[in-house]
PDB file of N, CA and C in Angstrom:
ATOM      1  N   UNK A   1       0.848  -1.190   0.000  1.00  0.00           N
ATOM      2  CA  UNK A   1       0.000   0.000   0.000  1.00  0.00           C
ATOM      3  C   UNK A   1       0.883   1.239   0.000  1.00  0.00           C
ATOM      4  N   UNK A   2       0.684   2.106  -0.973  1.00  0.00           N
ATOM      5  CA  UNK A   2       1.452   3.336  -1.042  1.00  0.00           C
ATOM      6  C   UNK A   2       0.724   4.442  -0.286  1.00  0.00           C
ATOM      7  N   UNK A   3       1.500   5.384   0.235  1.00  0.00           N
ATOM      8  CA  UNK A   3       0.943   6.511   0.974  1.00  0.00           C
ATOM      9  C   UNK A   3       1.458   7.798   0.354  1.00  0.00           C
ATOM     10  N   UNK A   4       0.763   8.889   0.593  1.00  0.00           N
ATOM     11  CA  UNK A   4       1.200  10.194   0.107  1.00  0.00           C
ATOM     12  C   UNK A   4       2.564  10.505   0.708  1.00  0.00           C
ATOM     13  N   UNK A   5       3.478  10.940  -0.135  1.00  0.00           N
ATOM     14  CA  UNK A   5       4.830  11.260   0.294  1.00  0.00           C
ATOM     15  C   UNK A   5       5.834  10.149   0.021  1.00  0.00           C
ATOM     16  N   UNK A   6       5.347   8.930  -0.265  1.00  0.00           N
ATOM     17  CA  UNK A   6       6.262   7.833  -0.603  1.00  0.00           C
ATOM     18  C   UNK A   6       6.970   8.136  -1.921  1.00  0.00           C
ATOM     19  N   UNK A   7       8.119   7.532  -2.100  1.00  0.00           N
ATOM     20  CA  UNK A   7       8.862   7.647  -3.358  1.00  0.00           C
ATOM     21  C   UNK A   7       8.504   6.448  -4.231  1.00  0.00           C
ATOM     22  N   UNK A   8       8.318   6.716  -5.524  1.00  0.00           N
ATOM     23  CA  UNK A   8       7.997   5.652  -6.476  1.00  0.00           C
ATOM     24  C   UNK A   8       8.599   6.016  -7.826  1.00  0.00           C
ATOM     25  N   UNK A   9       8.782   5.032  -8.675  1.00  0.00           N
ATOM     26  CA  UNK A   9       9.352   5.260 -10.003  1.00  0.00           C
ATOM     27  C   UNK A   9       8.278   5.742 -10.976  1.00  0.00           C
ATOM     28  N   UNK A  10       8.669   6.673 -11.831  1.00  0.00           N
ATOM     29  CA  UNK A  10       7.781   7.188 -12.867  1.00  0.00           C
ATOM     30  C   UNK A  10       7.496   6.061 -13.865  1.00  0.00           C
ATOM     31  N   UNK A  11       6.244   5.898 -14.309  1.00  0.00           N
ATOM     32  CA  UNK A  11       5.932   4.821 -15.255  1.00  0.00           C
ATOM     33  C   UNK A  11       6.503   5.039 -16.650  1.00  0.00           C
ATOM     34  N   UNK A  12       6.900   6.267 -16.998  1.00  0.00           N
ATOM     35  CA  UNK A  12       7.431   6.518 -18.345  1.00  0.00           C
ATOM     36  C   UNK A  12       8.948   6.552 -18.395  1.00  0.00           C
ATOM     37  N   UNK A  13       9.579   7.283 -17.468  1.00  0.00           N
ATOM     38  CA  UNK A  13      11.036   7.459 -17.568  1.00  0.00           C
ATOM     39  C   UNK A  13      11.801   6.754 -16.451  1.00  0.00           C
ATOM     40  N   UNK A  14      11.117   6.210 -15.479  1.00  0.00           N
ATOM     41  CA  UNK A  14      11.696   5.459 -14.358  1.00  0.00           C
ATOM     42  C   UNK A  14      12.554   6.311 -13.427  1.00  0.00           C
ATOM     43  N   UNK A  15      12.398   7.643 -13.466  1.00  0.00           N
ATOM     44  CA  UNK A  15      13.053   8.487 -12.469  1.00  0.00           C
ATOM     45  C   UNK A  15      12.285   8.360 -11.159  1.00  0.00           C
ATOM     46  N   UNK A  16      12.924   8.733 -10.075  1.00  0.00           N
ATOM     47  CA  UNK A  16      12.274   8.656  -8.768  1.00  0.00           C
ATOM     48  C   UNK A  16      11.320   9.834  -8.628  1.00  0.00           C
ATOM     49  N   UNK A  17      10.049   9.523  -8.419  1.00  0.00           N
ATOM     50  CA  UNK A  17       9.021  10.537  -8.225  1.00  0.00           C
ATOM     51  C   UNK A  17       8.425  10.431  -6.835  1.00  0.00           C
ATOM     52  N   UNK A  18       7.355  11.185  -6.612  1.00  0.00           N
ATOM     53  CA  UNK A  18       6.732  11.241  -5.296  1.00  0.00           C
ATOM     54  C   UNK A  18       5.237  11.002  -5.445  1.00  0.00           C
ATOM     55  N   UNK A  19       4.659  10.238  -4.537  1.00  0.00           N
ATOM     56  CA  UNK A  19       3.220   9.987  -4.542  1.00  0.00           C
ATOM     57  C   UNK A  19       2.531  11.219  -3.965  1.00  0.00           C
ATOM     58  N   UNK A  20       1.644  11.839  -4.773  1.00  0.00           N
ATOM     59  CA  UNK A  20       0.962  13.053  -4.338  1.00  0.00           C
ATOM     60  C   UNK A  20      -0.536  12.847  -4.138  1.00  0.00           C
ATOM     61  N   UNK A  21      -1.050  11.696  -4.562  1.00  0.00           N
ATOM     62  CA  UNK A  21      -2.486  11.431  -4.435  1.00  0.00           C
ATOM     63  C   UNK A  21      -2.712   9.934  -4.383  1.00  0.00           C
ATOM     64  N   UNK A  22      -3.638   9.493  -3.538  1.00  0.00           N
ATOM     65  CA  UNK A  22      -4.049   8.091  -3.472  1.00  0.00           C
ATOM     66  C   UNK A  22      -5.570   8.074  -3.443  1.00  0.00           C
ATOM     67  N   UNK A  23      -6.181   7.210  -4.258  1.00  0.00           N
ATOM     68  CA  UNK A  23      -7.643   7.129  -4.302  1.00  0.00           C
ATOM     69  C   UNK A  23      -8.192   6.609  -2.973  1.00  0.00           C
ATOM     70  N   UNK A  24      -9.467   6.839  -2.743  1.00  0.00           N
ATOM     71  CA  UNK A  24     -10.091   6.410  -1.492  1.00  0.00           C
ATOM     72  C   UNK A  24     -10.043   4.897  -1.314  1.00  0.00           C
ATOM     73  N   UNK A  25     -10.185   4.160  -2.413  1.00  0.00           N
ATOM     74  CA  UNK A  25     -10.131   2.702  -2.312  1.00  0.00           C
ATOM     75  C   UNK A  25      -8.701   2.171  -2.295  1.00  0.00           C
ATOM     76  N   UNK A  26      -7.707   3.049  -2.512  1.00  0.00           N
ATOM     77  CA  UNK A  26      -6.300   2.653  -2.448  1.00  0.00           C
ATOM     78  C   UNK A  26      -5.799   1.909  -3.671  1.00  0.00           C
ATOM     79  N   UNK A  27      -6.598   1.857  -4.748  1.00  0.00           N
ATOM     80  CA  UNK A  27      -6.198   1.105  -5.932  1.00  0.00           C
ATOM     81  C   UNK A  27      -5.406   1.933  -6.934  1.00  0.00           C
ATOM     82  N   UNK A  28      -5.485   3.264  -6.853  1.00  0.00           N
ATOM     83  CA  UNK A  28      -4.788   4.137  -7.795  1.00  0.00           C
ATOM     84  C   UNK A  28      -3.996   5.188  -7.034  1.00  0.00           C
ATOM     85  N   UNK A  29      -2.906   5.626  -7.665  1.00  0.00           N
ATOM     86  CA  UNK A  29      -2.067   6.657  -7.061  1.00  0.00           C
ATOM     87  C   UNK A  29      -1.600   7.613  -8.139  1.00  0.00           C
ATOM     88  N   UNK A  30      -1.362   8.857  -7.751  1.00  0.00           N
ATOM     89  CA  UNK A  30      -0.797   9.859  -8.642  1.00  0.00           C
ATOM     90  C   UNK A  30       0.663  10.062  -8.277  1.00  0.00           C
ATOM     91  N   UNK A  31       1.551   9.867  -9.249  1.00  0.00           N
ATOM     92  CA  UNK A  31       2.984   9.994  -9.007  1.00  0.00           C
ATOM     93  C   UNK A  31       3.487  11.219  -9.765  1.00  0.00           C
ATOM     94  N   UNK A  32       4.086  12.159  -9.031  1.00  0.00           N
ATOM     95  CA  UNK A  32       4.631  13.370  -9.630  1.00  0.00           C
ATOM     96  C   UNK A  32       6.093  13.124  -9.976  1.00  0.00           C
ATOM     97  N   UNK A  33       6.425  13.310 -11.260  1.00  0.00           N
ATOM     98  CA  UNK A  33       7.773  13.026 -11.744  1.00  0.00           C
ATOM     99  C   UNK A  33       8.542  14.334 -11.945  1.00  0.00           C
ATOM    100  N   UNK A  34       9.793  14.418 -11.463  1.00  0.00           N
ATOM    101  CA  UNK A  34      10.582  15.630 -11.656  1.00  0.00           C
ATOM    102  C   UNK A  34      11.180  15.744 -13.070  1.00  0.00           C
ATOM    103  N   UNK A  35      11.084  14.693 -13.867  1.00  0.00           N
ATOM    104  CA  UNK A  35      11.637  14.704 -15.227  1.00  0.00           C
ATOM    105  C   UNK A  35      10.765  15.489 -16.193  1.00  0.00           C
ATOM    106  N   UNK A  36      11.261  15.664 -17.409  1.00  0.00           N
ATOM    107  CA  UNK A  36      10.511  16.387 -18.450  1.00  0.00           C
ATOM    108  C   UNK A  36       9.731  15.390 -19.311  1.00  0.00           C
ATOM    109  N   UNK A  37       8.444  15.684 -19.497  1.00  0.00           N
ATOM    110  CA  UNK A  37       7.569  14.836 -20.311  1.00  0.00           C
ATOM    111  C   UNK A  37       6.693  15.715 -21.184  1.00  0.00           C
ATOM    112  N   UNK A  38       6.372  15.236 -22.379  1.00  0.00           N
ATOM    113  CA  UNK A  38       5.384  15.904 -23.223  1.00  0.00           C
ATOM    114  C   UNK A  38       4.010  15.492 -22.729  1.00  0.00           C
ATOM    115  N   UNK A  39       3.042  16.362 -22.937  1.00  0.00           N
ATOM    116  CA  UNK A  39       1.703  16.071 -22.439  1.00  0.00           C
ATOM    117  C   UNK A  39       1.010  14.988 -23.242  1.00  0.00           C
ATOM    118  N   UNK A  40       1.391  14.830 -24.495  1.00  0.00           N
ATOM    119  CA  UNK A  40       0.749  13.831 -25.350  1.00  0.00           C
ATOM    120  C   UNK A  40       1.831  12.930 -25.931  1.00  0.00           C
ATOM    121  N   UNK A  41       1.640  11.628 -25.814  1.00  0.00           N
ATOM    122  CA  UNK A  41       2.534  10.673 -26.474  1.00  0.00           C
ATOM    123  C   UNK A  41       1.928  10.346 -27.826  1.00  0.00           C
ATOM    124  N   UNK A  42       2.622  10.721 -28.871  1.00  0.00           N
ATOM    125  CA  UNK A  42       2.090  10.516 -30.216  1.00  0.00           C
ATOM    126  C   UNK A  42       2.898   9.480 -30.965  1.00  0.00           C
ATOM    127  N   UNK A  43       2.226   8.767 -31.827  1.00  0.00           N
ATOM    128  CA  UNK A  43       2.884   7.787 -32.675  1.00  0.00           C
ATOM    129  C   UNK A  43       3.565   8.463 -33.860  1.00  0.00           C
ATOM    130  N   UNK A  44       4.182   7.678 -34.700  1.00  0.00           N
ATOM    131  CA  UNK A  44       4.861   8.210 -35.877  1.00  0.00           C
ATOM    132  C   UNK A  44       3.832   8.629 -36.926  1.00  0.00           C
ATOM    133  N   UNK A  45       4.124   9.712 -37.623  1.00  0.00           N
ATOM    134  CA  UNK A  45       3.240  10.201 -38.663  1.00  0.00           C
ATOM    135  C   UNK A  45       3.886   9.978 -40.024  1.00  0.00           C
ATOM    136  N   UNK A  46       3.103   9.574 -41.003  1.00  0.00           N
ATOM    137  CA  UNK A  46       3.642   9.384 -42.344  1.00  0.00           C
ATOM    138  C   UNK A  46       3.891  10.725 -43.031  1.00  0.00           C
ATOM    139  N   UNK A  47       3.378  11.810 -42.438  1.00  0.00           N
ATOM    140  CA  UNK A  47       3.561  13.140 -43.001  1.00  0.00           C
ATOM    141  C   UNK A  47       4.732  13.889 -42.367  1.00  0.00           C
ATOM    142  N   UNK A  48       5.399  13.288 -41.409  1.00  0.00           N
ATOM    143  CA  UNK A  48       6.532  13.948 -40.757  1.00  0.00           C
ATOM    144  C   UNK A  48       6.128  14.652 -39.471  1.00  0.00           C
ATOM    145  N   UNK A  49       7.115  15.000 -38.695  1.00  0.00           N
ATOM    146  CA  UNK A  49       6.833  15.576 -37.386  1.00  0.00           C
ATOM    147  C   UNK A  49       6.317  17.011 -37.470  1.00  0.00           C
ATOM    148  N   UNK A  50       6.574  17.733 -38.572  1.00  0.00           N
ATOM    149  CA  UNK A  50       6.127  19.122 -38.693  1.00  0.00           C
ATOM    150  C   UNK A  50       4.653  19.232 -39.043  1.00  0.00           C
ATOM    151  N   UNK A  51       4.018  18.150 -39.443  1.00  0.00           N
ATOM    152  CA  UNK A  51       2.620  18.182 -39.846  1.00  0.00           C
ATOM    153  C   UNK A  51       1.671  18.289 -38.655  1.00  0.00           C
ATOM    154  N   UNK A  52       2.143  17.927 -37.467  1.00  0.00           N
ATOM    155  CA  UNK A  52       1.300  17.975 -36.281  1.00  0.00           C
ATOM    156  C   UNK A  52       1.932  18.883 -35.233  1.00  0.00           C
ATOM    157  N   UNK A  53       1.123  19.628 -34.493  1.00  0.00           N
ATOM    158  CA  UNK A  53       1.707  20.478 -33.452  1.00  0.00           C
ATOM    159  C   UNK A  53       2.357  19.635 -32.354  1.00  0.00           C
ATOM    160  N   UNK A  54       3.469  20.111 -31.849  1.00  0.00           N
ATOM    161  CA  UNK A  54       4.187  19.414 -30.785  1.00  0.00           C
ATOM    162  C   UNK A  54       3.899  20.098 -29.448  1.00  0.00           C
ATOM    163  N   UNK A  55       3.940  19.342 -28.374  1.00  0.00           N
ATOM    164  CA  UNK A  55       3.728  19.926 -27.061  1.00  0.00           C
ATOM    165  C   UNK A  55       5.069  20.212 -26.409  1.00  0.00           C
ATOM    166  N   UNK A  56       5.093  21.235 -25.599  1.00  0.00           N
ATOM    167  CA  UNK A  56       6.302  21.618 -24.892  1.00  0.00           C
ATOM    168  C   UNK A  56       6.498  20.681 -23.710  1.00  0.00           C
ATOM    169  N   UNK A  57       7.697  20.116 -23.530  1.00  0.00           N
ATOM    170  CA  UNK A  57       7.931  19.245 -22.377  1.00  0.00           C
ATOM    171  C   UNK A  57       7.789  20.017 -21.064  1.00  0.00           C
ATOM    172  N   UNK A  58       7.120  19.436 -20.116  1.00  0.00           N
ATOM    173  CA  UNK A  58       6.884  20.061 -18.814  1.00  0.00           C
ATOM    174  C   UNK A  58       7.496  19.216 -17.711  1.00  0.00           C
ATOM    175  N   UNK A  59       7.877  19.873 -16.624  1.00  0.00           N
ATOM    176  CA  UNK A  59       8.383  19.167 -15.448  1.00  0.00           C
ATOM    177  C   UNK A  59       7.242  18.995 -14.443  1.00  0.00           C
ATOM    178  N   UNK A  60       7.419  18.065 -13.531  1.00  0.00           N
ATOM    179  CA  UNK A  60       6.490  17.820 -12.425  1.00  0.00           C
ATOM    180  C   UNK A  60       5.107  17.366 -12.877  1.00  0.00           C
ATOM    181  N   UNK A  61       5.040  16.595 -13.962  1.00  0.00           N
ATOM    182  CA  UNK A  61       3.757  16.034 -14.392  1.00  0.00           C
ATOM    183  C   UNK A  61       3.349  14.928 -13.433  1.00  0.00           C
ATOM    184  N   UNK A  62       2.034  14.726 -13.295  1.00  0.00           N
ATOM    185  CA  UNK A  62       1.504  13.684 -12.419  1.00  0.00           C
ATOM    186  C   UNK A  62       0.907  12.586 -13.288  1.00  0.00           C
ATOM    187  N   UNK A  63       1.314  11.343 -13.040  1.00  0.00           N
ATOM    188  CA  UNK A  63       0.819  10.179 -13.761  1.00  0.00           C
ATOM    189  C   UNK A  63      -0.044   9.358 -12.823  1.00  0.00           C
ATOM    190  N   UNK A  64      -1.234   8.964 -13.290  1.00  0.00           N
ATOM    191  CA  UNK A  64      -2.101   8.090 -12.509  1.00  0.00           C
ATOM    192  C   UNK A  64      -1.801   6.652 -12.874  1.00  0.00           C
ATOM    193  N   UNK A  65      -1.674   5.798 -11.871  1.00  0.00           N
ATOM    194  CA  UNK A  65      -1.401   4.388 -12.140  1.00  0.00           C
ATOM    195  C   UNK A  65      -1.961   3.525 -11.027  1.00  0.00           C
ATOM    196  N   UNK A  66      -2.073   2.239 -11.324  1.00  0.00           N
ATOM    197  CA  UNK A  66      -2.542   1.272 -10.341  1.00  0.00           C
ATOM    198  C   UNK A  66      -1.490   1.130  -9.239  1.00  0.00           C
ATOM    199  N   UNK A  67      -1.904   1.016  -7.991  1.00  0.00           N
ATOM    200  CA  UNK A  67      -0.940   0.943  -6.896  1.00  0.00           C
ATOM    201  C   UNK A  67      -0.183  -0.378  -6.889  1.00  0.00           C
ATOM    202  N   UNK A  68      -0.746  -1.453  -7.450  1.00  0.00           N
ATOM    203  CA  UNK A  68      -0.023  -2.722  -7.510  1.00  0.00           C
ATOM    204  C   UNK A  68       1.173  -2.618  -8.456  1.00  0.00           C
ATOM    205  N   UNK A  69       1.082  -1.712  -9.433  1.00  0.00           N
ATOM    206  CA  UNK A  69       2.140  -1.555 -10.422  1.00  0.00           C
ATOM    207  C   UNK A  69       3.208  -0.577  -9.927  1.00  0.00           C
ATOM    208  N   UNK A  70       2.854   0.314  -9.014  1.00  0.00           N
ATOM    209  CA  UNK A  70       3.791   1.335  -8.539  1.00  0.00           C
ATOM    210  C   UNK A  70       5.016   0.673  -7.918  1.00  0.00           C
ATOM    211  N   UNK A  71       6.184   1.044  -8.414  1.00  0.00           N
ATOM    212  CA  UNK A  71       7.434   0.458  -7.945  1.00  0.00           C
ATOM    213  C   UNK A  71       8.078   1.367  -6.922  1.00  0.00           C
ATOM    214  N   UNK A  72       8.317   0.907  -5.698  1.00  0.00           N
ATOM    215  CA  UNK A  72       9.003   1.746  -4.724  1.00  0.00           C
ATOM    216  C   UNK A  72      10.383   2.140  -5.232  1.00  0.00           C
ATOM    217  N   UNK A  73      10.842   3.309  -4.850  1.00  0.00           N
ATOM    218  CA  UNK A  73      12.125   3.824  -5.346  1.00  0.00           C
ATOM    219  C   UNK A  73      13.308   3.037  -4.842  1.00  0.00           C
ATOM    220  N   UNK A  74      13.153   2.270  -3.771  1.00  0.00           N
ATOM    221  CA  UNK A  74      14.286   1.536  -3.210  1.00  0.00           C
ATOM    222  C   UNK A  74      14.605   0.265  -3.995  1.00  0.00           C
ATOM    223  N   UNK A  75      13.702  -0.192  -4.865  1.00  0.00           N
ATOM    224  CA  UNK A  75      13.949  -1.409  -5.630  1.00  0.00           C
ATOM    225  C   UNK A  75      14.605  -1.069  -6.960  1.00  0.00           C
ATOM    226  N   UNK A  76      15.490  -1.931  -7.472  1.00  0.00           N
ATOM    227  CA  UNK A  76      16.120  -1.666  -8.763  1.00  0.00           C
ATOM    228  C   UNK A  76      15.120  -1.771  -9.893  1.00  0.00           C
ATOM    229  N   UNK A  77      15.450  -1.143 -11.035  1.00  0.00           N
ATOM    230  CA  UNK A  77      14.543  -1.161 -12.189  1.00  0.00           C
ATOM    231  C   UNK A  77      14.380  -2.519 -12.770  1.00  0.00           C
TER     232      UNK A  77
END
């Protein structure tokens, strides 16, 4: 069971983040990552990268994930 303030790995970049939210039933948690992430993960385009607008990478994004999947920061990747 994760608690607010625990350290956990980011689901995208595996940097050490912090748990900032836990659902009432304890099944989901929000992990704030200090790394830079784009807001939208887009697939490859046959028209090239300039055909679609790109998002600016932001720091401190929060990712929602299942608490069973959340990896404590003390365990290796």
